[in-house]
Amino acid sequence: MKPTDFAKALSHYLSVYLPGQRNVSPNTIKSYRDTFKLLLMYCKDRRLSIECLCLQQIDAPLIVGFLSWIEQNRKSGIATYNQRLACIHSFCRYMQIEDPVGLLSYQKILAIPMKKGQKPAVNYLTTDALKLILAQPDISKVRGRRDLTMLSMLYDTGARVQELADLKVRDVRLDHPPVLTITGKGRKTRQVPLMSNTASLLRQYMVENYLLQNGMQDRPLFVNRQRGKLTPEGITFIVKKYTSCAKTASSIIPDKVTPHVFRHTKAMHLLQAGVNLIYIRDLLGHVDISTTEIYARADTELKRKALEKAYPDLSAIDLPQWNRDEGLLAWLSSL
């Protein structure tokens, strides 16, 4: 069977354009691939032949129907809805140049708006809550020492869970000053300084696991029981395990603690310590500082201190005693 124009375009987009010209990460390509996999499932559900599906059939009504389908049939939330639509929008922007004949159809799809949703509050740990969680691993055991090192780095570097999972031995520099090289979204790298306590923990961990020997540079920094790379799901499981233990000891632990909460916690603690937002942005690997500003908006303690500084120093002695004004009291009683 002769391949359709849609099959050719999608194959080139996923296998050539995204990795070759856009240089996007494998995780991003996987996300785009999953979106179109769902779109093909929807087409099959509508009894459209996938083998014969052409670009002319990929129009705005089809995409609107697909988005409704993932909401109703797959119970997708607003964030997932917008993420799937963003993937389709990206493909249509690519196709506007590759297939100018269908420009009007692609622009109609691009006109489909994202959904507005309520932004969740920034969830972060207090200093006492963080210390309690870090006290849970049993450092008398090899696994406990690994987990303590991993949790400490998760907080100290403000790394995303995927960034932590992707770390290799070569990304660590323990010579003074100790630095960690992190590869983030869009394959952008950033260097994050390690605090002395974390660097000491990491050195002991690497010595114990023979990771400082020559030839180990491309080994994963954190491994599972099978000596394979620890996955984001594995890191999340470890975080939940120690969080549950900490909850039994104190009620200061939030109901939901994920690896990303450690990232939020680092940002909030830096902000509360008076660190400039520019430095926090660079540490977290944000492209736009407006993303980092969510922490400034979320910190109620900083807001309170700012309001106190701006509030005039009024003395209660100088204020009129309205409760001694008989005329005012009589008027209020008559209301």
Foldseek 3Di string as FASTA:
>chain_A
DDAAQVRVLVCCVLPPCCCPVLVFDPVVSVLLVVLVVLLVVVCVVVVHDPRPDYPVPPAQVSVVVSLVCCCPVVVDDLVSSQSSLVSLLVSLVVVCVVPVVCVVRSVRSNPPDRDDDDDDAQAAADPVLLVLLLVQQDVVDLVSLLLSLLSLCLQQLLEDLQQLLQDFQLQWDLPPQTWGWTQDGSRDIAIGTGDPVSSVSLVVNCVVVVCPDPPRRGQGSDADPVSHGQHSVNNQVSSVVSLVVSVVVDVSRDPDDGSNNSSLHNLLVCVVVPHDLVVNCRSNVPPDSVVSCSSVVNDVVVVVVVVVVVDDDDDPVPDDDVVPPPVVVVVVVVD
